[in-house]
Amino acid sequence: MNSLRTIFTSNIPVECYIKSRRLEREGIECFIIDENIVYVDPFSAVAVGGAKLQVRSNKFEQATTILKSIEKNTLFDSSGEYQLPAVFNNEIEFQNEILAVKSQIRKNPTLLKDTGKIDNKNLSNEILLAVLEEEKEFDRLKNLKLNFSINQFLYELINTNRSILSYLRLRPVEYYIEKEIVNSYNRESKNKAIHHCPKCNSENVSFGNAIDEKWDPFFLILSFLFTQPFPFMRKNFHCFECGNNFRKK
């Protein structure tokens, strides 16, 4: 008989749901019991054994393997096992490669026609073609112009069931999200320009609000004179190796 077996218990039912979603991605049907008792009367959670995540007996071993991989911070497939930090780092590098290509095209749209000049070393032709199609659509949306005739205006004026503002929404929300993602990448790349710490010569440096000596004396004096705070903070480079704060010479 293919009965149910408990594979995980917790006094926090959400933990059962999180693990169940991972198992369901692998095609394993999951059942969660006693979570309502825990929600209604948390003090009875220990008495009832907490919320229980159950799977069918014939899937128990597979589910156990998957949950153990989660505990070890790994992923696995038919090709083998992978460490999550390495997977995430590879994905970050991959996405940065895509953003680098998009950044080049945004700065020089003629690259959409002369793709041979795009500086691309790691992206496959298939991925590059997909990126180019996305950028062509982005370029099309960027060049849209408002075209609103007097006839349309009069029609919308007497049609109370429609909003005239719909004509002003030339671009979808996704356009602005895509624009901000690439702009954010450009800003981050600019801020990550290589600077060396003068104390330890490390490159693990970032520019931002100072860690030490946050308040500039000039703004403190202004705050005193005008009897109101001036919350401008001093910005410095910060070294994450030795903790040194410094300014670029």
Protein backbone atom coordinates (compact mmCIF):
# COMPACT_ATOMS: atom_id res chain seq x y z
CA MET A 1 0.00 0.00 0.00
CA ASN A 2 1.38 3.45 -0.98
CA SER A 3 0.86 5.09 2.43
CA LEU A 4 2.05 8.51 3.58
CA ARG A 5 5.26 8.97 5.57
CA THR A 6 6.35 12.00 7.55
CA ILE A 7 9.60 13.40 6.24
CA PHE A 8 9.83 16.70 8.12
CA THR A 9 8.22 18.32 11.16
CA SER A 10 8.34 21.88 12.45
CA ASN A 11 6.54 24.13 14.91
CA ILE A 12 6.60 26.76 12.14
CA PRO A 13 4.28 25.54 9.34
CA VAL A 14 5.83 27.91 6.81
CA GLU A 15 9.01 25.80 6.91
CA CYS A 16 6.98 22.81 5.76
CA TYR A 17 5.54 24.80 2.88
CA ILE A 18 8.97 25.99 1.78
CA LYS A 19 10.33 22.46 1.66
CA SER A 20 7.19 21.15 -0.01
CA ARG A 21 7.61 23.62 -2.87
CA ARG A 22 11.12 22.31 -3.46
CA LEU A 23 9.91 18.72 -3.50
CA GLU A 24 7.00 19.54 -5.78
CA ARG A 25 9.44 21.02 -8.29
CA GLU A 26 10.87 17.51 -8.52
CA GLY A 27 7.44 16.00 -9.11
CA ILE A 28 6.94 14.73 -5.56
CA GLU A 29 3.40 15.17 -4.24
CA CYS A 30 3.38 16.63 -0.71
CA PHE A 31 0.86 16.76 2.11
CA ILE A 32 0.98 19.01 5.19
CA ILE A 33 -1.06 18.07 8.23
CA ASP A 34 -1.71 19.60 11.68
CA GLU A 35 -0.67 23.09 10.50
CA ASN A 36 -4.10 24.49 11.43
CA ILE A 37 -3.74 23.24 15.02
CA VAL A 38 -0.35 24.94 15.27
CA TYR A 39 -1.74 28.19 13.86
CA VAL A 40 -4.81 28.23 16.13
CA ASP A 41 -3.05 27.13 19.32
CA PRO A 42 0.75 27.55 19.07
CA PHE A 43 1.18 26.31 22.65
CA SER A 44 -0.12 22.90 21.54
CA ALA A 45 2.47 22.63 18.75
CA VAL A 46 4.85 20.49 20.82
CA ALA A 47 2.05 18.25 22.07
CA VAL A 48 0.86 17.38 18.55
CA GLY A 49 4.38 17.12 17.18
CA GLY A 50 4.18 20.31 15.12
CA ALA A 51 3.17 20.60 11.49
CA LYS A 52 4.14 17.55 9.47
CA LEU A 53 5.30 17.33 5.87
CA GLN A 54 4.40 13.95 4.36
CA VAL A 55 5.12 12.23 1.06
CA ARG A 56 4.08 8.91 -0.41
CA SER A 57 6.15 5.90 0.62
CA ASN A 58 7.48 5.23 -2.87
CA LYS A 59 8.88 8.79 -3.01
CA PHE A 60 10.29 8.88 0.52
CA GLU A 61 13.92 8.06 -0.36
CA GLN A 62 14.01 10.53 -3.24
CA ALA A 63 12.50 13.25 -1.05
CA THR A 64 15.03 12.49 1.70
CA THR A 65 17.90 12.91 -0.75
CA ILE A 66 16.55 16.27 -1.90
CA LEU A 67 16.10 17.60 1.64
CA LYS A 68 19.61 16.46 2.59
CA SER A 69 21.00 18.36 -0.38
CA ILE A 70 19.24 21.48 0.91
CA GLU A 71 20.90 21.02 4.31
CA LYS A 72 24.30 20.64 2.60
CA ASN A 73 23.64 23.80 0.57
CA THR A 74 23.90 21.93 -2.71
CA LEU A 75 21.88 21.26 -5.87
CA PHE A 76 21.94 18.15 -8.00
CA ASP A 77 20.68 16.83 -11.30
CA SER A 78 21.43 13.93 -13.63
CA SER A 79 24.92 15.35 -14.24
CA GLY A 80 25.98 15.54 -10.61
CA GLU A 81 25.97 17.72 -7.53
CA TYR A 82 26.70 21.45 -7.37
CA GLN A 83 27.55 23.82 -4.55
CA LEU A 84 24.98 26.61 -4.27
CA PRO A 85 27.54 29.43 -3.81
CA ALA A 86 29.28 28.38 -7.03
CA VAL A 87 25.95 28.16 -8.87
CA PHE A 88 24.93 31.63 -7.68
CA ASN A 89 28.30 33.14 -8.57
CA ASN A 90 28.14 31.64 -12.06
CA GLU A 91 24.63 33.00 -12.52
CA ILE A 92 25.70 36.46 -11.33
CA GLU A 93 28.60 36.46 -13.80
CA PHE A 94 26.26 35.31 -16.58
CA GLN A 95 23.72 38.06 -15.85
CA ASN A 96 26.51 40.65 -15.66
CA GLU A 97 27.70 39.56 -19.11
CA ILE A 98 24.21 40.14 -20.46
CA LEU A 99 23.98 43.54 -18.75
CA ALA A 100 27.40 44.50 -20.12
CA VAL A 101 26.21 43.79 -23.68
CA LYS A 102 22.97 45.70 -23.09
CA SER A 103 24.93 48.61 -21.65
CA GLN A 104 27.08 48.78 -24.78
CA ILE A 105 24.02 48.83 -27.02
CA ARG A 106 22.23 51.48 -24.92
CA LYS A 107 25.26 53.74 -25.21
CA ASN A 108 25.67 53.04 -28.93
CA PRO A 109 22.40 51.87 -30.58
CA THR A 110 24.16 51.48 -33.95
CA LEU A 111 25.53 48.20 -32.57
CA LEU A 112 22.11 46.69 -33.22
CA LYS A 113 22.96 46.81 -36.92
CA ASP A 114 26.71 46.27 -36.60
CA THR A 115 26.75 43.40 -34.11
CA GLY A 116 30.32 42.45 -34.94
CA LYS A 117 31.58 45.39 -32.88
CA ILE A 118 29.88 44.20 -29.70
CA ASP A 119 32.45 43.24 -27.07
CA ASN A 120 31.24 39.78 -26.13
CA LYS A 121 33.46 36.94 -24.96
CA ASN A 122 31.34 34.52 -22.97
CA LEU A 123 27.78 34.65 -24.32
CA SER A 124 26.75 32.03 -26.86
CA ASN A 125 25.34 33.10 -30.20
CA GLU A 126 21.89 31.93 -29.13
CA ILE A 127 21.92 34.06 -25.99
CA LEU A 128 23.38 37.02 -27.87
CA LEU A 129 20.62 36.87 -30.48
CA ALA A 130 18.01 36.81 -27.71
CA VAL A 131 19.62 39.88 -26.09
CA LEU A 132 19.65 41.69 -29.44
CA GLU A 133 15.93 41.02 -29.92
CA GLU A 134 15.22 42.42 -26.46
CA GLU A 135 17.28 45.52 -27.22
CA LYS A 136 15.53 46.05 -30.55
CA GLU A 137 12.20 46.07 -28.71
CA PHE A 138 13.64 48.38 -26.05
CA ASP A 139 14.91 50.75 -28.75
CA ARG A 140 11.51 50.72 -30.44
CA LEU A 141 9.74 51.60 -27.20
CA LYS A 142 12.30 54.29 -26.40
CA ASN A 143 11.61 56.05 -29.69
CA LEU A 144 7.84 56.06 -29.35
CA LYS A 145 6.27 59.49 -29.56
CA LEU A 146 2.88 60.69 -28.46
CA ASN A 147 0.48 60.83 -31.39
CA PHE A 148 -2.83 62.18 -30.20
CA SER A 149 -5.10 63.84 -32.75
CA ILE A 150 -7.87 66.33 -32.07
CA ASN A 151 -10.45 63.76 -33.16
CA GLN A 152 -9.19 61.32 -30.55
CA PHE A 153 -9.27 64.06 -27.95
CA LEU A 154 -12.91 64.93 -28.73
CA TYR A 155 -13.88 61.27 -28.73
CA GLU A 156 -12.28 60.64 -25.34
CA LEU A 157 -13.77 63.85 -23.99
CA ILE A 158 -17.35 62.63 -24.49
CA ASN A 159 -16.60 58.97 -23.73
CA THR A 160 -16.80 58.79 -19.93
CA ASN A 161 -16.03 55.08 -19.85
CA ARG A 162 -12.41 55.53 -20.94
CA SER A 163 -9.43 57.38 -19.54
CA ILE A 164 -7.61 59.91 -21.64
CA LEU A 165 -4.49 59.13 -19.62
CA SER A 166 -4.21 55.79 -21.44
CA TYR A 167 -2.79 57.69 -24.42
CA LEU A 168 0.02 59.01 -22.26
CA ARG A 169 1.14 55.51 -21.28
CA LEU A 170 3.28 54.94 -24.32
CA ARG A 171 5.48 52.30 -22.75
CA PRO A 172 4.72 49.32 -20.52
CA VAL A 173 6.03 49.06 -16.96
CA GLU A 174 8.52 46.40 -18.10
CA TYR A 175 10.29 49.02 -20.22
CA TYR A 176 11.06 51.18 -17.18
CA ILE A 177 12.14 48.17 -15.12
CA GLU A 178 14.53 47.09 -17.87
CA LYS A 179 15.85 50.64 -18.16
CA GLU A 180 16.50 50.92 -14.44
CA ILE A 181 18.24 47.52 -14.27
CA VAL A 182 20.82 48.53 -16.88
CA ASN A 183 21.21 52.02 -15.36
CA SER A 184 21.79 50.43 -11.97
CA TYR A 185 24.42 48.12 -13.50
CA ASN A 186 26.19 51.13 -15.03
CA ARG A 187 26.18 53.01 -11.74
CA GLU A 188 27.48 50.00 -9.86
CA SER A 189 30.20 49.40 -12.45
CA LYS A 190 31.26 53.03 -12.14
CA ASN A 191 31.38 52.83 -8.36
CA LYS A 192 33.36 49.60 -8.54
CA ALA A 193 36.19 51.20 -10.45
CA ILE A 194 39.36 49.71 -9.01
CA HIS A 195 40.75 51.71 -6.09
CA HIS A 196 43.46 50.48 -3.79
CA CYS A 197 43.44 51.01 -0.07
CA PRO A 198 46.45 53.17 0.82
CA LYS A 199 46.88 51.22 4.05
CA CYS A 200 46.78 47.56 2.94
CA ASN A 201 46.68 47.96 -0.88
CA SER A 202 43.52 45.86 -1.09
CA GLU A 203 41.06 46.23 -3.97
CA ASN A 204 38.13 45.19 -1.76
CA VAL A 205 36.99 48.81 -1.60
CA SER A 206 33.63 50.50 -2.00
CA PHE A 207 32.50 54.13 -2.05
CA GLY A 208 29.58 55.24 0.10
CA ASN A 209 28.56 56.80 3.39
CA ALA A 210 31.52 56.84 5.72
CA ILE A 211 31.77 54.20 8.43
CA ASP A 212 33.80 56.43 10.78
CA GLU A 213 33.60 60.20 11.15
CA LYS A 214 30.19 60.18 9.48
CA TRP A 215 29.31 63.78 10.13
CA ASP A 216 31.09 66.55 8.30
CA PRO A 217 31.93 69.44 10.72
CA PHE A 218 30.71 71.95 8.13
CA PHE A 219 27.18 70.59 8.22
CA LEU A 220 27.27 70.31 12.01
CA ILE A 221 28.13 74.04 12.20
CA LEU A 222 25.28 74.87 9.81
CA SER A 223 22.91 72.81 11.93
CA PHE A 224 23.96 74.78 15.01
CA LEU A 225 23.66 78.19 13.32
CA PHE A 226 20.26 77.57 11.75
CA THR A 227 18.93 75.49 14.68
CA GLN A 228 17.82 72.69 12.38
CA PRO A 229 19.53 69.48 11.36
CA PHE A 230 21.47 69.17 8.12
CA PRO A 231 21.58 65.40 7.59
CA PHE A 232 24.31 65.39 4.97
CA MET A 233 26.73 62.60 5.68
CA ARG A 234 30.36 62.47 4.73
CA LYS A 235 31.17 59.96 1.98
CA ASN A 236 34.41 58.05 1.85
CA PHE A 237 35.97 54.97 0.36
CA HIS A 238 35.87 52.06 2.77
CA CYS A 239 38.25 49.09 2.76
CA PHE A 240 36.57 45.86 3.84
CA GLU A 241 39.92 44.16 4.50
CA CYS A 242 41.44 46.46 7.08
CA GLY A 243 38.49 48.79 7.81
CA ASN A 244 40.32 51.91 6.64
CA ASN A 245 38.32 54.91 5.39
CA PHE A 246 39.97 57.19 2.87
CA ARG A 247 39.27 59.69 0.15
CA LYS A 248 40.41 59.44 -3.43
CA LYS A 249 43.43 61.63 -4.10
